[in-house]
Amino acid sequence: METTAFLRGMGAGAVAGAAIGAMVAVNRKAMRTGVGRAMQQAGAAMDTALYDFMHTMR
């Protein structure tokens, strides 16, 4: 698997998740909180995936 394809897929997944979260949210404050949480979780997942990938490459 190429790194570029992996990063594009992760980015597309983050954008799709944020869009779905925005559509599901009931009110504006819930939307901001939910999207913020989703972005934080996506960032943590990307950090973990990158760490695992770099660890595997060693």
Protein backbone atom coordinates (compact mmCIF):
# COMPACT_ATOMS: atom_id res chain seq x y z
CA MET A 1 0.00 0.00 0.00
CA GLU A 2 1.31 3.42 -0.89
CA THR A 3 1.50 6.12 1.75
CA THR A 4 -0.26 8.67 -0.46
CA ALA A 5 -3.25 6.43 -1.05
CA PHE A 6 -3.46 5.69 2.66
CA LEU A 7 -3.40 9.38 3.62
CA ARG A 8 -5.97 10.24 0.95
CA GLY A 9 -8.26 7.51 2.27
CA MET A 10 -7.86 8.70 5.85
CA GLY A 11 -8.59 12.28 4.79
CA ALA A 12 -11.65 11.26 2.80
CA GLY A 13 -12.91 9.27 5.76
CA ALA A 14 -12.45 12.22 8.11
CA VAL A 15 -14.31 14.55 5.76
CA ALA A 16 -17.13 12.04 5.25
CA GLY A 17 -17.44 11.48 8.99
CA ALA A 18 -17.60 15.21 9.70
CA ALA A 19 -20.24 15.67 7.00
CA ILE A 20 -22.39 12.84 8.34
CA GLY A 21 -21.98 14.16 11.87
CA ALA A 22 -23.10 17.59 10.72
CA MET A 23 -26.22 16.13 9.11
CA VAL A 24 -27.12 14.02 12.15
CA ALA A 25 -26.65 16.72 14.79
CA VAL A 26 -29.86 18.19 16.20
CA ASN A 27 -28.80 21.70 17.17
CA ARG A 28 -25.87 23.97 16.38
CA LYS A 29 -24.03 23.54 19.69
CA ALA A 30 -24.33 19.75 19.47
CA MET A 31 -23.02 19.95 15.91
CA ARG A 32 -19.94 21.93 16.95
CA THR A 33 -19.27 19.62 19.88
CA GLY A 34 -19.86 16.46 17.85
CA VAL A 35 -17.73 17.61 14.93
CA GLY A 36 -14.98 18.70 17.31
CA ARG A 37 -15.02 15.31 19.01
CA ALA A 38 -15.03 13.53 15.66
CA MET A 39 -12.08 15.61 14.42
CA GLN A 40 -10.18 14.92 17.64
CA GLN A 41 -10.83 11.18 17.36
CA ALA A 42 -9.86 11.21 13.67
CA GLY A 43 -6.62 12.98 14.54
CA ALA A 44 -5.85 10.48 17.27
CA ALA A 45 -6.62 7.59 14.90
CA MET A 46 -4.34 9.06 12.23
CA ASP A 47 -1.55 9.52 14.79
CA THR A 48 -1.93 5.92 15.91
CA ALA A 49 -2.05 4.63 12.33
CA LEU A 50 1.05 6.63 11.39
CA TYR A 51 2.89 5.38 14.48
CA ASP A 52 1.95 1.77 13.68
CA PHE A 53 2.96 2.23 10.03
CA MET A 54 6.34 3.72 10.96
CA HIS A 55 6.90 1.00 13.56
CA THR A 56 6.13 -1.68 10.95
CA MET A 57 8.54 -0.11 8.43
CA ARG A 58 11.49 -0.38 10.85
